[in-house]
Amino acid sequence: MRFALVILVGLAACGRHARRPIARPAPASPIADRMDSFEINGYVLAGAEYWPYIGKDDIDYPKDVLWGFYPEKGVIPPGETEANVDSARPEAIDCAQQSFTALQVFLAKNSPALRQIVELGADQGYVPRFYLWTNDYSRAAEPFPPGRREARLWYWKRKQPEPPKPPGYWKWEATLTQTGACTIPAPEQIEQYLADTLAEVKAKHAAN
């Protein structure tokens, strides 16, 4: 009996000092490091564009616009038919990268307002497709006479349908200022724009 008690006490002591199971590491972040097209919660990032402003003149669209996530001079980006006239500056690419990451975080949250706009506004030309837009004012005059574009989220619609092209895109627009500051869409602007757009979509939906 005494021997049995010794065994039980020994087992209990071993249990108290037993090594705890090692916790598994947290799963890797879903945020991609390199910019590319992606799909999150049914929303697709279809591509990217850079708007480089130089001096005091406004940009000559579409000739001066650089297409693709990493535009290179003389290279035709995927989905385009003409080569880029220049390469995107490293500072602009860095800003686009910040904007790209912020867009992934935003879409991962699956905004209810955005979801309603896309679902209720499908017949109004709203689709779940995004485009990354980066303004580069690093070589522009200060002040810039035409006015500097602000970072924001907004929706662009084609004036005339061009099937099979999408009727529009959500533009996730970032701005690299003359001082080198990179600004991306702010939560307050995003919420207000989505609220206003949803109200318009609901009004048109009810009228029909």
Protein backbone atom coordinates (compact mmCIF):
# COMPACT_ATOMS: atom_id res chain seq x y z
CA MET A 1 0.00 0.00 0.00
CA ARG A 2 2.79 2.37 0.95
CA PHE A 3 4.57 1.51 -2.30
CA ALA A 4 1.43 2.32 -4.30
CA LEU A 5 1.12 5.71 -2.61
CA VAL A 6 4.73 6.52 -3.48
CA ILE A 7 4.02 5.75 -7.13
CA LEU A 8 0.90 7.94 -7.16
CA VAL A 9 2.74 10.84 -5.53
CA GLY A 10 5.56 10.47 -8.05
CA LEU A 11 3.16 10.50 -10.96
CA ALA A 12 1.42 13.60 -9.62
CA ALA A 13 4.75 15.38 -9.25
CA CYS A 14 5.70 14.49 -12.80
CA GLY A 15 2.33 15.82 -13.96
CA ARG A 16 2.93 19.15 -12.22
CA HIS A 17 6.30 19.54 -13.91
CA ALA A 18 5.29 18.11 -17.28
CA ARG A 19 6.32 20.21 -20.25
CA ARG A 20 3.48 22.27 -21.65
CA PRO A 21 2.63 21.70 -25.30
CA ILE A 22 4.37 24.17 -27.61
CA ALA A 23 1.93 26.66 -29.13
CA ARG A 24 1.75 26.64 -32.90
CA PRO A 25 2.93 29.81 -34.63
CA ALA A 26 0.29 32.19 -35.92
CA PRO A 27 -0.65 31.62 -39.55
CA ALA A 28 1.21 33.68 -42.12
CA SER A 29 -0.31 37.03 -43.02
CA PRO A 30 -2.54 36.95 -46.12
CA ILE A 31 -1.13 40.33 -47.15
CA ALA A 32 1.03 39.94 -50.25
CA ASP A 33 4.44 41.59 -50.35
CA ARG A 34 4.69 42.03 -54.10
CA MET A 35 1.96 43.91 -55.93
CA ASP A 36 -0.17 41.86 -58.29
CA SER A 37 -3.80 41.15 -59.10
CA PHE A 38 -5.73 39.38 -56.35
CA GLU A 39 -9.20 38.43 -55.14
CA ILE A 40 -10.43 38.97 -51.58
CA ASN A 41 -14.03 38.33 -50.50
CA GLY A 42 -15.14 38.37 -54.12
CA TYR A 43 -13.45 41.71 -54.89
CA VAL A 44 -10.81 41.72 -57.62
CA LEU A 45 -7.87 44.06 -58.05
CA ALA A 46 -7.59 44.12 -61.83
CA GLY A 47 -4.55 46.33 -62.37
CA ALA A 48 -2.65 49.51 -61.59
CA GLU A 49 -1.92 52.91 -63.11
CA TYR A 50 0.55 55.70 -62.34
CA TRP A 51 -0.03 59.37 -63.16
CA PRO A 52 3.34 61.20 -63.24
CA TYR A 53 3.03 65.00 -63.15
CA ILE A 54 6.02 67.08 -64.27
CA GLY A 55 6.46 70.84 -63.90
CA LYS A 56 3.31 72.94 -64.15
CA ASP A 57 1.47 71.01 -66.86
CA ASP A 58 -1.43 68.65 -66.29
CA ILE A 59 -1.04 65.10 -67.48
CA ASP A 60 -1.87 64.16 -71.08
CA TYR A 61 -4.29 61.25 -70.67
CA PRO A 62 -3.90 58.48 -71.70
CA LYS A 63 -0.52 59.04 -73.36
CA ASP A 64 1.39 59.95 -70.18
CA VAL A 65 -0.24 57.39 -67.90
CA LEU A 66 1.93 54.41 -66.92
CA TRP A 67 0.15 51.06 -66.71
CA GLY A 68 0.91 47.99 -64.62
CA PHE A 69 2.10 47.44 -61.06
CA TYR A 70 5.76 47.98 -61.98
CA PRO A 71 5.77 50.03 -65.21
CA GLU A 72 8.95 49.86 -67.30
CA LYS A 73 9.77 52.09 -70.23
CA GLY A 74 9.30 50.31 -73.55
CA VAL A 75 7.54 47.31 -71.98
CA ILE A 76 3.93 46.41 -72.78
CA PRO A 77 2.15 45.63 -69.49
CA PRO A 78 -0.33 42.73 -69.22
CA GLY A 79 -3.71 43.58 -70.69
CA GLU A 80 -2.42 46.57 -72.69
CA THR A 81 -1.50 46.94 -76.36
CA GLU A 82 1.13 49.69 -76.17
CA ALA A 83 4.41 49.99 -74.31
CA ASN A 84 4.80 52.39 -71.40
CA VAL A 85 6.44 55.70 -72.35
CA ASP A 86 8.46 55.74 -69.14
CA SER A 87 9.24 53.76 -65.99
CA ALA A 88 7.55 54.52 -62.70
CA ARG A 89 9.83 56.24 -60.19
CA PRO A 90 10.91 54.15 -57.17
CA GLU A 91 9.26 56.62 -54.80
CA ALA A 92 5.96 56.24 -56.64
CA ILE A 93 6.23 52.45 -56.53
CA ASP A 94 6.87 52.60 -52.77
CA CYS A 95 3.74 54.72 -52.36
CA ALA A 96 1.75 52.33 -54.53
CA GLN A 97 2.96 49.46 -52.35
CA GLN A 98 1.64 51.19 -49.23
CA SER A 99 -1.66 51.80 -50.99
CA PHE A 100 -1.78 48.20 -52.22
CA THR A 101 -1.37 46.87 -48.69
CA ALA A 102 -4.02 49.24 -47.32
CA LEU A 103 -6.46 48.08 -50.02
CA GLN A 104 -5.98 44.44 -49.04
CA VAL A 105 -6.65 45.29 -45.40
CA PHE A 106 -9.78 47.24 -46.36
CA LEU A 107 -11.19 44.47 -48.55
CA ALA A 108 -10.43 41.82 -45.92
CA LYS A 109 -12.83 43.65 -43.59
CA ASN A 110 -15.65 43.07 -46.11
CA SER A 111 -17.40 46.44 -45.72
CA PRO A 112 -21.22 45.98 -45.47
CA ALA A 113 -21.80 49.27 -47.31
CA LEU A 114 -19.56 48.25 -50.20
CA ARG A 115 -21.26 44.85 -50.37
CA GLN A 116 -24.71 46.43 -50.58
CA ILE A 117 -23.61 48.85 -53.29
CA VAL A 118 -22.27 46.03 -55.46
CA GLU A 119 -25.30 43.81 -54.92
CA LEU A 120 -28.06 46.43 -55.23
CA GLY A 121 -26.23 48.45 -57.86
CA ALA A 122 -25.31 45.65 -60.25
CA ASP A 123 -27.84 46.92 -62.79
CA GLN A 124 -26.53 50.46 -62.26
CA GLY A 125 -23.03 49.59 -63.41
CA TYR A 126 -21.37 48.81 -60.07
CA VAL A 127 -19.03 45.83 -60.12
CA PRO A 128 -16.63 44.35 -57.52
CA ARG A 129 -13.51 45.29 -59.47
CA PHE A 130 -10.76 47.65 -58.25
CA TYR A 131 -7.90 49.53 -59.86
CA LEU A 132 -4.86 50.86 -58.01
CA TRP A 133 -4.18 54.49 -58.95
CA THR A 134 -1.05 56.37 -57.83
CA ASN A 135 -0.45 60.07 -58.48
CA ASP A 136 3.23 61.08 -58.60
CA TYR A 137 3.83 64.79 -57.93
CA SER A 138 7.48 64.34 -56.96
CA ARG A 139 8.57 66.27 -60.08
CA ALA A 140 5.62 68.67 -60.19
CA ALA A 141 5.70 72.37 -59.40
CA GLU A 142 4.64 73.56 -55.94
CA PRO A 143 2.00 74.82 -56.03
CA PHE A 144 0.71 72.79 -58.96
CA PRO A 145 -1.53 75.10 -61.08
CA PRO A 146 -4.16 72.49 -62.09
CA GLY A 147 -4.49 71.45 -58.44
CA ARG A 148 -3.25 68.32 -56.73
CA ARG A 149 -5.47 65.25 -56.66
CA GLU A 150 -6.24 63.93 -53.19
CA ALA A 151 -6.04 60.32 -52.07
CA ARG A 152 -9.51 58.80 -52.07
CA LEU A 153 -11.79 55.89 -52.92
CA TRP A 154 -14.28 56.55 -55.71
CA TYR A 155 -16.11 54.80 -58.53
CA TRP A 156 -15.44 55.41 -62.20
CA LYS A 157 -18.08 54.53 -64.81
CA ARG A 158 -17.71 54.38 -68.57
CA LYS A 159 -19.70 57.00 -70.42
CA GLN A 160 -20.72 54.40 -72.97
CA PRO A 161 -20.80 50.60 -72.54
CA GLU A 162 -17.89 48.77 -74.18
CA PRO A 163 -18.59 45.05 -73.79
CA PRO A 164 -16.85 42.86 -72.82
CA LYS A 165 -15.06 45.52 -70.78
CA PRO A 166 -16.46 46.09 -67.25
CA PRO A 167 -18.85 49.06 -66.92
CA GLY A 168 -16.57 50.62 -64.33
CA TYR A 169 -13.99 50.22 -61.58
CA TRP A 170 -13.52 51.22 -57.98
CA LYS A 171 -10.50 53.50 -57.96
CA TRP A 172 -8.23 53.21 -54.91
CA GLU A 173 -6.24 56.41 -55.41
CA ALA A 174 -3.04 57.34 -53.58
CA THR A 175 -0.93 60.48 -53.94
CA LEU A 176 2.81 61.06 -53.66
CA THR A 177 3.23 64.77 -52.91
CA GLN A 178 5.97 67.19 -53.94
CA THR A 179 7.59 66.71 -50.53
CA GLY A 180 7.65 62.93 -50.89
CA ALA A 181 4.75 62.22 -48.53
CA CYS A 182 2.54 59.29 -49.52
CA THR A 183 -1.15 59.66 -48.75
CA ILE A 184 -3.70 56.87 -49.11
CA PRO A 185 -7.51 56.86 -48.83
CA ALA A 186 -8.52 57.83 -45.29
CA PRO A 187 -11.17 55.86 -43.36
CA GLU A 188 -13.35 58.96 -42.96
CA GLN A 189 -13.40 59.64 -46.70
CA ILE A 190 -14.07 55.99 -47.49
CA GLU A 191 -16.98 55.73 -45.07
CA GLN A 192 -18.56 58.97 -46.27
CA TYR A 193 -18.22 58.11 -49.94
CA LEU A 194 -19.67 54.64 -49.46
CA ALA A 195 -22.55 56.02 -47.40
CA ASP A 196 -23.38 58.64 -50.04
CA THR A 197 -23.08 56.14 -52.88
CA LEU A 198 -25.22 53.56 -51.10
CA ALA A 199 -27.94 56.16 -50.55
CA GLU A 200 -27.94 56.96 -54.28
CA VAL A 201 -28.03 53.29 -55.23
CA LYS A 202 -30.93 52.58 -52.86
CA ALA A 203 -32.89 55.56 -54.19
CA LYS A 204 -32.52 54.43 -57.81
CA HIS A 205 -33.26 50.83 -56.85
CA ALA A 206 -36.47 51.85 -55.08
CA ALA A 207 -37.53 53.98 -58.04
CA ASN A 208 -37.30 50.99 -60.32
